Amino acid sequence: MSLVALVNLLFQAFYILLLLRDILSWVPGIDTRHPAVQFVERTTAPVLTPIRRVLPPAGGLDLSPMIAILLVIVAQRVVVDLLVRMLYD
């Protein structure tokens, strides 16, 4: 597996974790002490927490996961483009 493919895979995994966290927030009565739920929350918190500080809930909706997903997509494109330029130029 190339470095570019690995970086893409890591970004995609993080993207899935953000989606999963958002979906888990809709499930009533979910056990937040479950190790899988804690892993998802601990992994995504470093990205979501700063966004939540800046962007308050709008009408009771938490838009931070959507903003985080957009930021991850942009970061993925920038990082992969830089890697491709460094490795293949």
PDB file of N, CA and C in Angstrom:
ATOM      1  N   MET A   1       0.857  -1.180   0.000  1.00  0.00           N
ATOM      2  CA  MET A   1       0.000   0.000   0.000  1.00  0.00           C
ATOM      3  C   MET A   1       0.899   1.238   0.000  1.00  0.00           C
ATOM      4  N   SER A   2       0.592   2.167  -0.868  1.00  0.00           N
ATOM      5  CA  SER A   2       1.395   3.376  -0.957  1.00  0.00           C
ATOM      6  C   SER A   2       1.038   4.337   0.180  1.00  0.00           C
ATOM      7  N   LEU A   3       1.899   5.287   0.403  1.00  0.00           N
ATOM      8  CA  LEU A   3       1.665   6.288   1.448  1.00  0.00           C
ATOM      9  C   LEU A   3       0.412   7.105   1.148  1.00  0.00           C
ATOM     10  N   VAL A   4       0.205   7.450  -0.095  1.00  0.00           N
ATOM     11  CA  VAL A   4      -0.973   8.227  -0.484  1.00  0.00           C
ATOM     12  C   VAL A   4      -2.247   7.424  -0.203  1.00  0.00           C
ATOM     13  N   ALA A   5      -2.243   6.157  -0.535  1.00  0.00           N
ATOM     14  CA  ALA A   5      -3.408   5.310  -0.285  1.00  0.00           C
ATOM     15  C   ALA A   5      -3.670   5.174   1.215  1.00  0.00           C
ATOM     16  N   LEU A   6      -2.608   5.051   2.003  1.00  0.00           N
ATOM     17  CA  LEU A   6      -2.756   4.954   3.452  1.00  0.00           C
ATOM     18  C   LEU A   6      -3.348   6.234   4.036  1.00  0.00           C
ATOM     19  N   VAL A   7      -2.855   7.371   3.596  1.00  0.00           N
ATOM     20  CA  VAL A   7      -3.378   8.653   4.076  1.00  0.00           C
ATOM     21  C   VAL A   7      -4.847   8.804   3.685  1.00  0.00           C
ATOM     22  N   ASN A   8      -5.189   8.445   2.469  1.00  0.00           N
ATOM     23  CA  ASN A   8      -6.587   8.485   2.032  1.00  0.00           C
ATOM     24  C   ASN A   8      -7.456   7.579   2.904  1.00  0.00           C
ATOM     25  N   LEU A   9      -6.964   6.400   3.207  1.00  0.00           N
ATOM     26  CA  LEU A   9      -7.696   5.453   4.038  1.00  0.00           C
ATOM     27  C   LEU A   9      -7.928   6.013   5.443  1.00  0.00           C
ATOM     28  N   LEU A  10      -6.919   6.647   6.016  1.00  0.00           N
ATOM     29  CA  LEU A  10      -7.060   7.235   7.353  1.00  0.00           C
ATOM     30  C   LEU A  10      -8.075   8.378   7.360  1.00  0.00           C
ATOM     31  N   PHE A  11      -8.040   9.200   6.351  1.00  0.00           N
ATOM     32  CA  PHE A  11      -9.024  10.279   6.257  1.00  0.00           C
ATOM     33  C   PHE A  11     -10.435   9.711   6.109  1.00  0.00           C
ATOM     34  N   GLN A  12     -10.588   8.692   5.295  1.00  0.00           N
ATOM     35  CA  GLN A  12     -11.900   8.083   5.100  1.00  0.00           C
ATOM     36  C   GLN A  12     -12.403   7.429   6.385  1.00  0.00           C
ATOM     37  N   ALA A  13     -11.508   6.812   7.129  1.00  0.00           N
ATOM     38  CA  ALA A  13     -11.897   6.207   8.409  1.00  0.00           C
ATOM     39  C   ALA A  13     -12.371   7.283   9.379  1.00  0.00           C
ATOM     40  N   PHE A  14     -11.684   8.419   9.401  1.00  0.00           N
ATOM     41  CA  PHE A  14     -12.095   9.502  10.286  1.00  0.00           C
ATOM     42  C   PHE A  14     -13.438  10.079   9.847  1.00  0.00           C
ATOM     43  N   TYR A  15     -13.635  10.190   8.561  1.00  0.00           N
ATOM     44  CA  TYR A  15     -14.903  10.649   8.010  1.00  0.00           C
ATOM     45  C   TYR A  15     -16.038   9.731   8.471  1.00  0.00           C
ATOM     46  N   ILE A  16     -15.817   8.425   8.424  1.00  0.00           N
ATOM     47  CA  ILE A  16     -16.814   7.457   8.873  1.00  0.00           C
ATOM     48  C   ILE A  16     -17.063   7.589  10.370  1.00  0.00           C
ATOM     49  N   LEU A  17     -16.016   7.828  11.154  1.00  0.00           N
ATOM     50  CA  LEU A  17     -16.193   8.026  12.595  1.00  0.00           C
ATOM     51  C   LEU A  17     -17.042   9.265  12.891  1.00  0.00           C
ATOM     52  N   LEU A  18     -16.846  10.332  12.127  1.00  0.00           N
ATOM     53  CA  LEU A  18     -17.673  11.526  12.310  1.00  0.00           C
ATOM     54  C   LEU A  18     -19.140  11.235  11.991  1.00  0.00           C
ATOM     55  N   LEU A  19     -19.387  10.524  10.909  1.00  0.00           N
ATOM     56  CA  LEU A  19     -20.760  10.149  10.563  1.00  0.00           C
ATOM     57  C   LEU A  19     -21.366   9.249  11.631  1.00  0.00           C
ATOM     58  N   LEU A  20     -20.576   8.306  12.114  1.00  0.00           N
ATOM     59  CA  LEU A  20     -21.045   7.393  13.148  1.00  0.00           C
ATOM     60  C   LEU A  20     -21.386   8.136  14.431  1.00  0.00           C
ATOM     61  N   ARG A  21     -20.555   9.091  14.803  1.00  0.00           N
ATOM     62  CA  ARG A  21     -20.847   9.878  16.008  1.00  0.00           C
ATOM     63  C   ARG A  21     -22.151  10.648  15.847  1.00  0.00           C
ATOM     64  N   ASP A  22     -22.355  11.196  14.685  1.00  0.00           N
ATOM     65  CA  ASP A  22     -23.588  11.928  14.438  1.00  0.00           C
ATOM     66  C   ASP A  22     -24.796  10.996  14.527  1.00  0.00           C
ATOM     67  N   ILE A  23     -24.696   9.836  13.928  1.00  0.00           N
ATOM     68  CA  ILE A  23     -25.793   8.863  13.977  1.00  0.00           C
ATOM     69  C   ILE A  23     -26.038   8.391  15.407  1.00  0.00           C
ATOM     70  N   LEU A  24     -24.963   8.135  16.149  1.00  0.00           N
ATOM     71  CA  LEU A  24     -25.114   7.686  17.534  1.00  0.00           C
ATOM     72  C   LEU A  24     -25.810   8.728  18.402  1.00  0.00           C
ATOM     73  N   SER A  25     -25.642  10.002  18.067  1.00  0.00           N
ATOM     74  CA  SER A  25     -26.282  11.047  18.861  1.00  0.00           C
ATOM     75  C   SER A  25     -27.799  11.039  18.683  1.00  0.00           C
ATOM     76  N   TRP A  26     -28.288  10.404  17.631  1.00  0.00           N
ATOM     77  CA  TRP A  26     -29.727  10.335  17.392  1.00  0.00           C
ATOM     78  C   TRP A  26     -30.378   9.140  18.080  1.00  0.00           C
ATOM     79  N   VAL A  27     -29.563   8.171  18.532  1.00  0.00           N
ATOM     80  CA  VAL A  27     -30.095   6.951  19.127  1.00  0.00           C
ATOM     81  C   VAL A  27     -30.428   7.201  20.596  1.00  0.00           C
ATOM     82  N   PRO A  28     -31.715   7.107  20.939  1.00  0.00           N
ATOM     83  CA  PRO A  28     -32.091   7.340  22.338  1.00  0.00           C
ATOM     84  C   PRO A  28     -31.641   6.172  23.228  1.00  0.00           C
ATOM     85  N   GLY A  29     -31.183   6.509  24.407  1.00  0.00           N
ATOM     86  CA  GLY A  29     -30.816   5.498  25.392  1.00  0.00           C
ATOM     87  C   GLY A  29     -29.557   4.724  25.081  1.00  0.00           C
ATOM     88  N   ILE A  30     -28.698   5.259  24.221  1.00  0.00           N
ATOM     89  CA  ILE A  30     -27.456   4.545  23.895  1.00  0.00           C
ATOM     90  C   ILE A  30     -26.535   4.553  25.113  1.00  0.00           C
ATOM     91  N   ASP A  31     -25.849   3.454  25.320  1.00  0.00           N
ATOM     92  CA  ASP A  31     -24.936   3.334  26.450  1.00  0.00           C
ATOM     93  C   ASP A  31     -23.631   4.049  26.111  1.00  0.00           C
ATOM     94  N   THR A  32     -23.460   5.247  26.654  1.00  0.00           N
ATOM     95  CA  THR A  32     -22.258   6.028  26.355  1.00  0.00           C
ATOM     96  C   THR A  32     -21.017   5.458  27.032  1.00  0.00           C
ATOM     97  N   ARG A  33     -21.198   4.463  27.901  1.00  0.00           N
ATOM     98  CA  ARG A  33     -20.043   3.822  28.544  1.00  0.00           C
ATOM     99  C   ARG A  33     -19.499   2.657  27.727  1.00  0.00           C
ATOM    100  N   HIS A  34     -20.200   2.295  26.662  1.00  0.00           N
ATOM    101  CA  HIS A  34     -19.742   1.195  25.816  1.00  0.00           C
ATOM    102  C   HIS A  34     -18.400   1.583  25.189  1.00  0.00           C
ATOM    103  N   PRO A  35     -17.429   0.669  25.180  1.00  0.00           N
ATOM    104  CA  PRO A  35     -16.095   1.005  24.646  1.00  0.00           C
ATOM    105  C   PRO A  35     -16.106   1.520  23.207  1.00  0.00           C
ATOM    106  N   ALA A  36     -16.980   0.993  22.366  1.00  0.00           N
ATOM    107  CA  ALA A  36     -17.026   1.451  20.975  1.00  0.00           C
ATOM    108  C   ALA A  36     -17.524   2.888  20.900  1.00  0.00           C
ATOM    109  N   VAL A  37     -18.534   3.215  21.701  1.00  0.00           N
ATOM    110  CA  VAL A  37     -19.069   4.580  21.720  1.00  0.00           C
ATOM    111  C   VAL A  37     -18.016   5.533  22.274  1.00  0.00           C
ATOM    112  N   GLN A  38     -17.334   5.123  23.333  1.00  0.00           N
ATOM    113  CA  GLN A  38     -16.280   5.965  23.906  1.00  0.00           C
ATOM    114  C   GLN A  38     -15.145   6.186  22.909  1.00  0.00           C
ATOM    115  N   PHE A  39     -14.795   5.151  22.151  1.00  0.00           N
ATOM    116  CA  PHE A  39     -13.737   5.297  21.145  1.00  0.00           C
ATOM    117  C   PHE A  39     -14.130   6.335  20.098  1.00  0.00           C
ATOM    118  N   VAL A  40     -15.358   6.239  19.610  1.00  0.00           N
ATOM    119  CA  VAL A  40     -15.835   7.188  18.601  1.00  0.00           C
ATOM    120  C   VAL A  40     -15.825   8.603  19.166  1.00  0.00           C
ATOM    121  N   GLU A  41     -16.289   8.769  20.393  1.00  0.00           N
ATOM    122  CA  GLU A  41     -16.333  10.103  20.999  1.00  0.00           C
ATOM    123  C   GLU A  41     -14.938  10.659  21.247  1.00  0.00           C
ATOM    124  N   ARG A  42     -14.030   9.828  21.775  1.00  0.00           N
ATOM    125  CA  ARG A  42     -12.659  10.300  22.044  1.00  0.00           C
ATOM    126  C   ARG A  42     -11.912  10.634  20.759  1.00  0.00           C
ATOM    127  N   THR A  43     -12.171   9.884  19.705  1.00  0.00           N
ATOM    128  CA  THR A  43     -11.461  10.096  18.453  1.00  0.00           C
ATOM    129  C   THR A  43     -11.927  11.355  17.732  1.00  0.00           C
ATOM    130  N   THR A  44     -13.209  11.642  17.815  1.00  0.00           N
ATOM    131  CA  THR A  44     -13.751  12.780  17.073  1.00  0.00           C
ATOM    132  C   THR A  44     -13.786  14.077  17.886  1.00  0.00           C
ATOM    133  N   ALA A  45     -13.681  13.992  19.192  1.00  0.00           N
ATOM    134  CA  ALA A  45     -13.771  15.184  20.044  1.00  0.00           C
ATOM    135  C   ALA A  45     -12.740  16.261  19.704  1.00  0.00           C
ATOM    136  N   PRO A  46     -11.484  15.913  19.411  1.00  0.00           N
ATOM    137  CA  PRO A  46     -10.511  16.982  19.107  1.00  0.00           C
ATOM    138  C   PRO A  46     -10.893  17.860  17.920  1.00  0.00           C
ATOM    139  N   VAL A  47     -11.699  17.341  17.008  1.00  0.00           N
ATOM    140  CA  VAL A  47     -12.135  18.136  15.859  1.00  0.00           C
ATOM    141  C   VAL A  47     -13.459  18.838  16.171  1.00  0.00           C
ATOM    142  N   LEU A  48     -14.371  18.139  16.817  1.00  0.00           N
ATOM    143  CA  LEU A  48     -15.702  18.704  17.043  1.00  0.00           C
ATOM    144  C   LEU A  48     -15.735  19.766  18.147  1.00  0.00           C
ATOM    145  N   THR A  49     -14.954  19.594  19.192  1.00  0.00           N
ATOM    146  CA  THR A  49     -15.003  20.520  20.326  1.00  0.00           C
ATOM    147  C   THR A  49     -14.670  21.959  19.933  1.00  0.00           C
ATOM    148  N   PRO A  50     -13.588  22.220  19.198  1.00  0.00           N
ATOM    149  CA  PRO A  50     -13.312  23.614  18.806  1.00  0.00           C
ATOM    150  C   PRO A  50     -14.388  24.206  17.904  1.00  0.00           C
ATOM    151  N   ILE A  51     -14.957  23.375  17.034  1.00  0.00           N
ATOM    152  CA  ILE A  51     -16.018  23.865  16.161  1.00  0.00           C
ATOM    153  C   ILE A  51     -17.239  24.235  16.987  1.00  0.00           C
ATOM    154  N   ARG A  52     -17.553  23.429  17.985  1.00  0.00           N
ATOM    155  CA  ARG A  52     -18.715  23.702  18.841  1.00  0.00           C
ATOM    156  C   ARG A  52     -18.526  24.975  19.667  1.00  0.00           C
ATOM    157  N   ARG A  53     -17.286  25.294  20.008  1.00  0.00           N
ATOM    158  CA  ARG A  53     -17.031  26.539  20.737  1.00  0.00           C
ATOM    159  C   ARG A  53     -17.340  27.762  19.878  1.00  0.00           C
ATOM    160  N   VAL A  54     -17.044  27.660  18.589  1.00  0.00           N
ATOM    161  CA  VAL A  54     -17.232  28.776  17.674  1.00  0.00           C
ATOM    162  C   VAL A  54     -18.648  28.819  17.117  1.00  0.00           C
ATOM    163  N   LEU A  55     -19.217  27.663  16.836  1.00  0.00           N
ATOM    164  CA  LEU A  55     -20.510  27.563  16.173  1.00  0.00           C
ATOM    165  C   LEU A  55     -21.561  27.028  17.154  1.00  0.00           C
ATOM    166  N   PRO A  56     -22.383  27.912  17.701  1.00  0.00           N
ATOM    167  CA  PRO A  56     -23.410  27.438  18.644  1.00  0.00           C
ATOM    168  C   PRO A  56     -24.493  26.658  17.901  1.00  0.00           C
ATOM    169  N   PRO A  57     -25.248  25.826  18.631  1.00  0.00           N
ATOM    170  CA  PRO A  57     -26.342  25.091  17.986  1.00  0.00           C
ATOM    171  C   PRO A  57     -27.347  26.055  17.355  1.00  0.00           C
ATOM    172  N   ALA A  58     -27.805  25.716  16.169  1.00  0.00           N
ATOM    173  CA  ALA A  58     -28.756  26.555  15.443  1.00  0.00           C
ATOM    174  C   ALA A  58     -30.137  25.913  15.527  1.00  0.00           C
ATOM    175  N   GLY A  59     -31.005  26.513  16.302  1.00  0.00           N
ATOM    176  CA  GLY A  59     -32.352  25.967  16.443  1.00  0.00           C
ATOM    177  C   GLY A  59     -32.360  24.577  17.043  1.00  0.00           C
ATOM    178  N   GLY A  60     -31.422  24.300  17.933  1.00  0.00           N
ATOM    179  CA  GLY A  60     -31.334  22.983  18.553  1.00  0.00           C
ATOM    180  C   GLY A  60     -30.561  21.955  17.741  1.00  0.00           C
ATOM    181  N   LEU A  61     -30.110  22.333  16.549  1.00  0.00           N
ATOM    182  CA  LEU A  61     -29.336  21.416  15.709  1.00  0.00           C
ATOM    183  C   LEU A  61     -27.849  21.669  15.878  1.00  0.00           C
ATOM    184  N   ASP A  62     -27.111  20.596  16.053  1.00  0.00           N
ATOM    185  CA  ASP A  62     -25.657  20.688  16.146  1.00  0.00           C
ATOM    186  C   ASP A  62     -25.078  20.526  14.749  1.00  0.00           C
ATOM    187  N   LEU A  63     -24.596  21.614  14.183  1.00  0.00           N
ATOM    188  CA  LEU A  63     -24.047  21.585  12.828  1.00  0.00           C
ATOM    189  C   LEU A  63     -22.558  21.263  12.797  1.00  0.00           C
ATOM    190  N   SER A  64     -21.941  21.075  13.964  1.00  0.00           N
ATOM    191  CA  SER A  64     -20.497  20.841  14.004  1.00  0.00           C
ATOM    192  C   SER A  64     -20.061  19.592  13.239  1.00  0.00           C
ATOM    193  N   PRO A  65     -20.805  18.472  13.255  1.00  0.00           N
ATOM    194  CA  PRO A  65     -20.349  17.330  12.449  1.00  0.00           C
ATOM    195  C   PRO A  65     -20.302  17.637  10.951  1.00  0.00           C
ATOM    196  N   MET A  66     -21.274  18.394  10.459  1.00  0.00           N
ATOM    197  CA  MET A  66     -21.282  18.733   9.042  1.00  0.00           C
ATOM    198  C   MET A  66     -20.076  19.613   8.693  1.00  0.00           C
ATOM    199  N   ILE A  67     -19.787  20.596   9.543  1.00  0.00           N
ATOM    200  CA  ILE A  67     -18.622  21.465   9.329  1.00  0.00           C
ATOM    201  C   ILE A  67     -17.343  20.641   9.410  1.00  0.00           C
ATOM    202  N   ALA A  68     -17.273  19.742  10.390  1.00  0.00           N
ATOM    203  CA  ALA A  68     -16.085  18.899  10.553  1.00  0.00           C
ATOM    204  C   ALA A  68     -15.865  18.017   9.324  1.00  0.00           C
ATOM    205  N   ILE A  69     -16.933  17.450   8.796  1.00  0.00           N
ATOM    206  CA  ILE A  69     -16.810  16.603   7.599  1.00  0.00           C
ATOM    207  C   ILE A  69     -16.282  17.425   6.425  1.00  0.00           C
ATOM    208  N   LEU A  70     -16.801  18.625   6.254  1.00  0.00           N
ATOM    209  CA  LEU A  70     -16.300  19.492   5.183  1.00  0.00           C
ATOM    210  C   LEU A  70     -14.820  19.815   5.379  1.00  0.00           C
ATOM    211  N   LEU A  71     -14.429  20.108   6.618  1.00  0.00           N
ATOM    212  CA  LEU A  71     -13.022  20.399   6.906  1.00  0.00           C
ATOM    213  C   LEU A  71     -12.130  19.186   6.657  1.00  0.00           C
ATOM    214  N   VAL A  72     -12.620  18.002   6.997  1.00  0.00           N
ATOM    215  CA  VAL A  72     -11.842  16.784   6.765  1.00  0.00           C
ATOM    216  C   VAL A  72     -11.674  16.542   5.272  1.00  0.00           C
ATOM    217  N   ILE A  73     -12.716  16.783   4.494  1.00  0.00           N
ATOM    218  CA  ILE A  73     -12.611  16.614   3.043  1.00  0.00           C
ATOM    219  C   ILE A  73     -11.579  17.576   2.459  1.00  0.00           C
ATOM    220  N   VAL A  74     -11.620  18.831   2.896  1.00  0.00           N
ATOM    221  CA  VAL A  74     -10.647  19.823   2.415  1.00  0.00           C
ATOM    222  C   VAL A  74      -9.238  19.434   2.850  1.00  0.00           C
ATOM    223  N   ALA A  75      -9.084  19.046   4.119  1.00  0.00           N
ATOM    224  CA  ALA A  75      -7.757  18.654   4.616  1.00  0.00           C
ATOM    225  C   ALA A  75      -7.228  17.443   3.853  1.00  0.00           C
ATOM    226  N   GLN A  76      -8.091  16.485   3.568  1.00  0.00           N
ATOM    227  CA  GLN A  76      -7.673  15.307   2.811  1.00  0.00           C
ATOM    228  C   GLN A  76      -7.144  15.705   1.438  1.00  0.00           C
ATOM    229  N   ARG A  77      -7.859  16.562   0.762  1.00  0.00           N
ATOM    230  CA  ARG A  77      -7.417  16.983  -0.578  1.00  0.00           C
ATOM    231  C   ARG A  77      -6.083  17.712  -0.524  1.00  0.00           C
ATOM    232  N   VAL A  78      -5.924  18.581   0.459  1.00  0.00           N
ATOM    233  CA  VAL A  78      -4.676  19.338   0.579  1.00  0.00           C
ATOM    234  C   VAL A  78      -3.515  18.403   0.902  1.00  0.00           C
ATOM    235  N   VAL A  79      -3.699  17.537   1.897  1.00  0.00           N
ATOM    236  CA  VAL A  79      -2.615  16.645   2.318  1.00  0.00           C
ATOM    237  C   VAL A  79      -2.244  15.671   1.204  1.00  0.00           C
ATOM    238  N   VAL A  80      -3.232  15.077   0.568  1.00  0.00           N
ATOM    239  CA  VAL A  80      -2.945  14.122  -0.510  1.00  0.00           C
ATOM    240  C   VAL A  80      -2.264  14.826  -1.678  1.00  0.00           C
ATOM    241  N   ASP A  81      -2.719  16.025  -2.012  1.00  0.00           N
ATOM    242  CA  ASP A  81      -2.084  16.766  -3.104  1.00  0.00           C
ATOM    243  C   ASP A  81      -0.622  17.072  -2.770  1.00  0.00           C
ATOM    244  N   LEU A  82      -0.370  17.496  -1.537  1.00  0.00           N
ATOM    245  CA  LEU A  82       1.015  17.767  -1.128  1.00  0.00           C
ATOM    246  C   LEU A  82       1.869  16.506  -1.175  1.00  0.00           C
ATOM    247  N   LEU A  83       1.310  15.390  -0.706  1.00  0.00           N
ATOM    248  CA  LEU A  83       2.060  14.135  -0.753  1.00  0.00           C
ATOM    249  C   LEU A  83       2.375  13.719  -2.181  1.00  0.00           C
ATOM    250  N   VAL A  84       1.413  13.819  -3.059  1.00  0.00           N
ATOM    251  CA  VAL A  84       1.631  13.444  -4.454  1.00  0.00           C
ATOM    252  C   VAL A  84       2.705  14.324  -5.066  1.00  0.00           C
ATOM    253  N   ARG A  85       2.652  15.616  -4.780  1.00  0.00           N
ATOM    254  CA  ARG A  85       3.673  16.517  -5.321  1.00  0.00           C
ATOM    255  C   ARG A  85       5.056  16.199  -4.780  1.00  0.00           C
ATOM    256  N   MET A  86       5.131  15.885  -3.487  1.00  0.00           N
ATOM    257  CA  MET A  86       6.434  15.566  -2.876  1.00  0.00           C
ATOM    258  C   MET A  86       6.986  14.239  -3.384  1.00  0.00           C
ATOM    259  N   LEU A  87       6.121  13.269  -3.532  1.00  0.00           N
ATOM    260  CA  LEU A  87       6.591  11.942  -3.888  1.00  0.00           C
ATOM    261  C   LEU A  87       6.831  11.746  -5.382  1.00  0.00           C
ATOM    262  N   TYR A  88       6.072  12.437  -6.219  1.00  0.00           N
ATOM    263  CA  TYR A  88       6.132  12.151  -7.642  1.00  0.00           C
ATOM    264  C   TYR A  88       6.676  13.295  -8.491  1.00  0.00           C
ATOM    265  N   ASP A  89       7.119  14.368  -7.870  1.00  0.00           N
ATOM    266  CA  ASP A  89       7.729  15.465  -8.654  1.00  0.00           C
ATOM    267  C   ASP A  89       9.231  15.392  -8.593  1.00  0.00           C
TER     268      ASP A  89
END
